[in-house]
N, C-alpha and C. Protein backbone atom coordinates (compact mmCIF):
# COMPACT_ATOMS: atom_id res chain seq x y z
N MET A 1 110.00 68.47 175.86
CA MET A 1 110.93 67.46 175.49
C MET A 1 112.26 67.30 175.89
N ASP A 2 112.49 66.19 176.74
CA ASP A 2 113.80 66.16 177.11
C ASP A 2 114.73 66.27 176.67
N THR A 3 116.35 66.24 177.04
CA THR A 3 117.32 66.60 176.32
C THR A 3 117.87 65.51 175.50
N LEU A 4 117.92 64.39 175.91
CA LEU A 4 118.13 63.01 175.12
C LEU A 4 116.87 63.16 173.82
N ALA A 5 115.63 63.22 173.82
CA ALA A 5 114.78 63.64 172.76
C ALA A 5 115.30 64.77 171.85
N LEU A 6 115.89 65.61 172.26
CA LEU A 6 116.13 66.68 171.37
C LEU A 6 117.46 66.25 170.64
N ARG A 7 118.41 66.00 171.55
CA ARG A 7 119.50 65.40 170.78
C ARG A 7 119.42 64.45 169.92
N ILE A 8 118.50 63.49 169.68
CA ILE A 8 117.81 62.57 168.81
C ILE A 8 117.42 63.20 167.75
N GLU A 9 116.59 64.23 167.88
CA GLU A 9 115.80 64.86 166.49
C GLU A 9 117.13 65.81 165.89
N VAL A 10 117.82 66.40 166.83
CA VAL A 10 119.13 67.01 166.07
C VAL A 10 120.18 65.91 165.13
N LEU A 11 120.27 64.74 165.86
CA LEU A 11 120.93 63.92 165.13
C LEU A 11 119.83 63.47 163.61
N LYS A 12 118.83 63.46 163.65
CA LYS A 12 117.86 62.78 162.48
C LYS A 12 117.97 64.17 161.72
N LEU A 13 118.30 65.49 162.19
CA LEU A 13 118.05 66.07 161.09
C LEU A 13 119.21 66.81 160.66
N THR A 14 120.69 66.52 161.05
CA THR A 14 121.76 66.88 160.80
C THR A 14 122.41 65.42 159.72
N ALA A 15 121.78 64.48 159.90
CA ALA A 15 121.87 63.38 159.04
C ALA A 15 122.05 63.32 157.31
N HIS A 16 122.79 64.44 157.02
CA HIS A 16 122.50 64.87 155.33
C HIS A 16 124.39 65.15 155.47
N PRO A 17 124.85 64.52 154.14
CA PRO A 17 126.04 65.34 154.30
C PRO A 17 125.89 67.02 153.90
N ALA A 18 125.14 67.48 153.21
CA ALA A 18 125.19 69.00 153.11
C ALA A 18 125.07 69.89 154.48
N ARG A 19 124.06 69.07 154.94
CA ARG A 19 123.99 69.79 156.43
C ARG A 19 125.21 69.53 157.22
N ILE A 20 125.92 68.48 157.29
CA ILE A 20 127.02 68.23 157.82
C ILE A 20 127.97 69.31 157.40
N ALA A 21 128.15 69.42 155.89
CA ALA A 21 129.26 70.48 155.34
C ALA A 21 129.01 71.69 155.93
N ILE A 22 127.69 72.06 156.07
CA ILE A 22 127.00 73.51 156.60
C ILE A 22 127.77 73.80 157.88
N LEU A 23 127.15 72.88 158.72
CA LEU A 23 127.79 73.05 160.16
C LEU A 23 129.16 72.77 160.18
N GLU A 24 130.20 72.26 159.50
CA GLU A 24 131.51 72.17 159.64
C GLU A 24 131.97 73.73 159.37
N GLU A 25 131.55 74.05 158.52
CA GLU A 25 131.85 75.25 157.88
C GLU A 25 131.23 76.56 159.13
N LEU A 26 130.32 76.52 159.66
CA LEU A 26 129.78 77.35 160.56
C LEU A 26 130.25 77.47 161.67
N PHE A 27 131.16 75.82 162.16
CA PHE A 27 131.83 75.63 163.13
C PHE A 27 133.06 76.46 163.14
N LYS A 28 133.70 76.77 161.94
CA LYS A 28 134.75 77.49 161.80
C LYS A 28 134.60 79.00 162.04
N GLY A 29 133.30 79.57 162.10
CA GLY A 29 132.94 81.07 161.98
C GLY A 29 131.41 81.03 161.11
N VAL A 30 131.35 82.78 161.31
CA VAL A 30 130.67 82.98 160.78
C VAL A 30 130.26 83.05 159.13
N LYS A 31 129.20 82.74 158.60
CA LYS A 31 129.21 82.48 157.05
C LYS A 31 127.95 82.75 156.35
N CYS A 32 128.14 83.61 155.23
CA CYS A 32 126.90 84.26 154.71
C CYS A 32 126.76 83.29 153.70
N VAL A 33 125.48 83.18 152.97
CA VAL A 33 125.13 82.44 152.14
C VAL A 33 125.90 82.25 150.87
N THR A 34 126.45 83.44 150.19
CA THR A 34 127.48 83.37 149.13
C THR A 34 128.78 82.70 149.72
N ASP A 35 129.35 82.69 150.55
CA ASP A 35 130.33 81.86 151.54
C ASP A 35 129.73 80.69 151.22
N ILE A 36 128.84 80.13 151.84
CA ILE A 36 128.32 78.60 151.66
C ILE A 36 128.36 78.00 150.31
N GLN A 37 127.97 79.09 149.38
CA GLN A 37 128.10 78.57 148.10
C GLN A 37 129.49 78.32 147.62
N ASP A 38 130.13 79.19 147.92
CA ASP A 38 131.55 78.75 147.25
C ASP A 38 132.14 77.65 147.81
N PHE A 39 131.72 76.74 148.52
CA PHE A 39 132.41 75.59 148.96
C PHE A 39 131.38 74.60 148.67
N MET A 40 130.34 74.45 148.27
CA MET A 40 129.29 73.36 147.99
C MET A 40 128.56 73.89 146.63
N ASP A 41 128.51 72.31 146.31
CA ASP A 41 128.42 71.88 144.64
C ASP A 41 126.44 71.67 144.53
N ILE A 42 125.99 72.86 145.38
CA ILE A 42 124.90 72.56 145.00
C ILE A 42 123.98 73.95 144.95
N SER A 43 122.45 73.99 144.44
CA SER A 43 122.26 75.24 144.17
C SER A 43 121.85 76.25 145.56
N GLN A 44 121.77 77.29 145.07
CA GLN A 44 121.64 78.51 146.28
C GLN A 44 120.00 78.05 146.78
N SER A 45 119.04 77.59 146.07
CA SER A 45 117.81 77.37 147.12
C SER A 45 117.78 76.30 147.83
N ASN A 46 118.51 75.24 147.46
CA ASN A 46 119.04 73.92 148.01
C ASN A 46 119.72 74.49 149.41
N ILE A 47 120.75 75.23 149.28
CA ILE A 47 121.31 75.77 150.75
C ILE A 47 120.28 76.25 151.29
N SER A 48 119.74 77.16 151.15
CA SER A 48 118.52 77.92 151.50
C SER A 48 117.76 76.85 152.27
N GLN A 49 117.30 75.99 151.84
CA GLN A 49 116.38 75.02 152.72
C GLN A 49 117.14 74.47 153.40
N HIS A 50 118.18 74.01 153.47
CA HIS A 50 119.18 73.34 154.65
C HIS A 50 119.04 74.59 156.06
N LEU A 51 119.34 75.71 155.23
CA LEU A 51 119.72 76.59 156.45
C LEU A 51 118.43 77.02 157.21
N SER A 52 117.17 76.69 156.36
CA SER A 52 115.87 77.27 157.08
C SER A 52 115.81 75.96 157.87
N ALA A 53 115.95 74.79 157.45
CA ALA A 53 115.51 73.48 158.43
C ALA A 53 116.63 73.54 159.42
N LEU A 54 117.78 74.03 159.62
CA LEU A 54 118.62 74.07 160.92
C LEU A 54 118.13 74.96 161.30
N ARG A 55 117.81 76.23 160.99
CA ARG A 55 117.61 77.09 161.63
C ARG A 55 116.01 76.88 162.58
N HIS A 56 115.26 76.42 161.77
CA HIS A 56 113.97 76.22 162.41
C HIS A 56 114.14 75.26 163.86
N ALA A 57 115.15 74.53 163.51
CA ALA A 57 115.53 73.18 164.80
C ALA A 57 116.23 74.02 165.95
N GLY A 58 116.38 75.51 165.79
CA GLY A 58 117.03 76.01 166.43
C GLY A 58 118.66 76.02 166.55
N ILE A 59 119.22 75.01 165.63
CA ILE A 59 120.69 74.76 165.54
C ILE A 59 121.65 75.85 165.38
N ILE A 60 121.32 76.65 164.09
CA ILE A 60 121.80 77.77 163.85
C ILE A 60 121.11 78.77 163.95
N ASP A 61 121.40 79.91 163.90
CA ASP A 61 120.73 81.31 163.70
C ASP A 61 121.41 82.05 162.63
N PHE A 62 120.62 83.44 162.42
CA PHE A 62 121.66 84.60 161.42
C PHE A 62 121.12 85.69 162.27
N PHE A 63 121.94 86.61 161.57
CA PHE A 63 122.05 88.21 161.63
C PHE A 63 121.88 88.81 160.48
N VAL A 64 121.46 89.96 160.04
CA VAL A 64 121.25 90.35 158.96
C VAL A 64 122.63 91.98 158.86
N ASP A 65 123.56 91.61 157.73
CA ASP A 65 124.61 92.64 157.58
C ASP A 65 124.54 93.23 156.07
N GLY A 66 123.38 94.39 156.11
CA GLY A 66 123.24 95.16 155.08
C GLY A 66 122.42 94.17 154.33
N ARG A 67 122.58 93.42 153.11
CA ARG A 67 121.77 92.83 152.32
C ARG A 67 122.18 91.52 152.35
N LEU A 68 122.75 90.97 153.38
CA LEU A 68 123.58 89.56 153.44
C LEU A 68 122.68 89.17 154.95
N ARG A 69 122.68 87.76 155.02
CA ARG A 69 122.26 87.02 156.06
C ARG A 69 123.65 86.28 156.37
N CYS A 70 124.11 86.44 157.55
CA CYS A 70 125.31 85.89 158.07
C CYS A 70 124.73 84.70 159.06
N TYR A 71 125.27 83.58 158.91
CA TYR A 71 124.66 82.43 159.82
C TYR A 71 126.06 81.80 160.64
N TYR A 72 125.58 81.36 161.77
CA TYR A 72 126.30 81.24 162.96
C TYR A 72 125.84 79.85 163.75
N LEU A 73 126.44 79.23 164.30
CA LEU A 73 126.15 77.87 165.24
C LEU A 73 125.58 78.48 166.34
N LYS A 74 124.34 77.93 167.03
CA LYS A 74 123.83 78.16 167.78
C LYS A 74 123.87 77.31 169.20
N ASP A 75 123.38 75.65 168.86
CA ASP A 75 123.39 74.48 169.52
C ASP A 75 124.71 74.32 169.95
N PRO A 76 124.98 74.15 171.07
CA PRO A 76 126.60 74.03 171.76
C PRO A 76 126.72 72.07 171.42
N PHE A 77 125.67 71.58 171.43
CA PHE A 77 125.93 70.26 171.10
C PHE A 77 126.46 69.80 169.64
N ILE A 78 126.50 70.82 168.53
CA ILE A 78 127.11 70.50 167.40
C ILE A 78 128.58 70.32 167.48
N PRO A 79 129.55 71.32 167.95
CA PRO A 79 130.75 70.93 167.79
C PRO A 79 131.08 69.59 168.36
N ASP A 80 130.29 69.06 169.56
CA ASP A 80 130.86 67.92 170.08
C ASP A 80 130.48 66.63 169.10
N LEU A 81 129.52 67.12 168.35
CA LEU A 81 128.57 65.75 167.36
C LEU A 81 129.82 65.87 166.46
N LEU A 82 130.37 66.88 165.73
CA LEU A 82 131.07 67.18 164.32
C LEU A 82 132.45 66.42 165.14
N MET A 83 133.02 66.74 166.08
CA MET A 83 134.05 65.78 166.48
C MET A 83 133.82 64.51 166.75
N ILE A 84 132.81 64.23 166.96
CA ILE A 84 132.78 62.39 167.28
C ILE A 84 132.50 61.81 165.55
N ILE A 85 132.06 62.54 164.94
CA ILE A 85 131.77 62.32 163.37
C ILE A 85 133.18 62.07 162.80
N LYS A 86 134.25 62.78 163.18
CA LYS A 86 135.33 63.12 162.44
C LYS A 86 136.48 62.19 163.10
N LYS A 87 136.16 61.73 164.05
CA LYS A 87 136.89 60.95 165.02
C LYS A 87 137.16 59.61 164.45
N GLU A 88 138.59 58.85 164.65
CA GLU A 88 138.96 57.66 163.75
C GLU A 88 138.93 56.97 164.90
N TYR A 89 138.67 55.72 164.63
CA TYR A 89 138.44 54.56 165.76
C TYR A 89 139.40 53.39 164.68
N PRO A 90 140.57 53.02 165.78
CA PRO A 90 141.36 52.21 164.53
C PRO A 90 140.93 50.90 165.09
N ASN A 91 140.21 50.73 166.27
CA ASN A 91 139.73 49.08 166.21
C ASN A 91 138.64 48.96 166.91
N GLU A 92 137.76 47.65 166.43
CA GLU A 92 136.37 47.30 167.06
C GLU A 92 136.63 46.99 168.46
N ILE A 93 135.49 47.20 169.24
CA ILE A 93 135.18 46.60 170.47
C ILE A 93 135.60 45.10 170.47
N PRO A 94 136.13 44.65 171.09
CA PRO A 94 136.31 43.11 171.42
C PRO A 94 135.09 42.70 171.74
N GLY A 95 135.02 41.31 171.14
CA GLY A 95 133.92 40.38 171.69
C GLY A 95 133.94 39.99 173.07
N PRO A 96 133.17 39.62 173.36
CA PRO A 96 133.15 38.76 174.87
C PRO A 96 133.88 37.39 174.60
N GLU A 97 134.64 36.68 175.65
CA GLU A 97 135.32 35.70 176.13
C GLU A 97 134.55 34.51 175.69
N CYS A 98 133.39 34.41 176.06
CA CYS A 98 132.27 33.47 176.24
C CYS A 98 130.85 33.83 175.28
N CYS A 99 130.74 32.83 175.02
CA CYS A 99 129.14 32.99 174.62
C CYS A 99 127.93 32.28 175.31
N PRO A 100 126.95 33.07 175.66
CA PRO A 100 125.79 32.52 176.49
C PRO A 100 125.22 31.43 175.86
N ILE A 101 125.10 31.78 174.46
CA ILE A 101 124.13 30.70 173.57
C ILE A 101 125.17 29.42 173.68
N THR A 102 126.29 29.44 173.01
CA THR A 102 126.69 27.81 172.81
C THR A 102 127.60 27.61 173.94
N LYS A 103 127.86 28.38 175.28
CA LYS A 103 128.18 28.04 176.39
C LYS A 103 129.85 27.76 176.36
N LYS A 104 130.19 28.22 175.31
CA LYS A 104 131.65 28.30 175.22
C LYS A 104 132.45 29.42 175.82
N GLY A 105 133.52 29.02 176.70
CA GLY A 105 134.14 30.12 177.18
C GLY A 105 133.64 30.21 178.67
N LYS A 106 134.27 31.05 179.21
CA LYS A 106 133.93 31.27 180.93
C LYS A 106 132.79 32.61 180.91
N TYR A 107 131.60 32.37 180.96
CA TYR A 107 130.79 33.41 181.53
C TYR A 107 130.94 33.93 182.60
N PRO A 108 130.97 35.08 182.71
CA PRO A 108 131.28 36.02 184.27
C PRO A 108 130.33 36.06 184.95
N GLY A 109 129.07 36.04 184.47
CA GLY A 109 127.76 36.11 185.46
C GLY A 109 126.73 34.77 185.68
N ASN A 110 125.72 34.72 186.23
CA ASN A 110 125.13 33.64 186.16
C ASN A 110 124.25 33.33 184.83
N ARG A 111 124.32 31.82 184.77
CA ARG A 111 123.43 31.35 183.74
C ARG A 111 122.20 30.83 183.78
N LYS A 112 121.32 31.56 183.33
CA LYS A 112 119.70 31.16 183.45
C LYS A 112 119.82 29.92 182.52
N HIS A 113 119.24 28.90 182.40
CA HIS A 113 119.03 27.32 181.89
C HIS A 113 117.55 27.77 181.55
């Protein structure tokens, strides 16, 4: 699978508020399941399901520390994705100065009739 297709799959997988919250916390550093439970208002089994899906996709991984599984980010695309999601955009992109349909304004290219 090419890079674009892989990133599209990552976008699909991460498009869930709980998964974004988990990824934001992992962006701050390694977290164990109990750490994640402290800031999320969902069950431990639900957290584990989200972690499993993210791990299966190769976005995160874990290491074992005694009885704890400690998770961390693995995919370098995730920090950029999180920054884009949080970015504020004060203005919309301006519309064109003309309309090819109504032919109002000055169209910069060649019109096909």
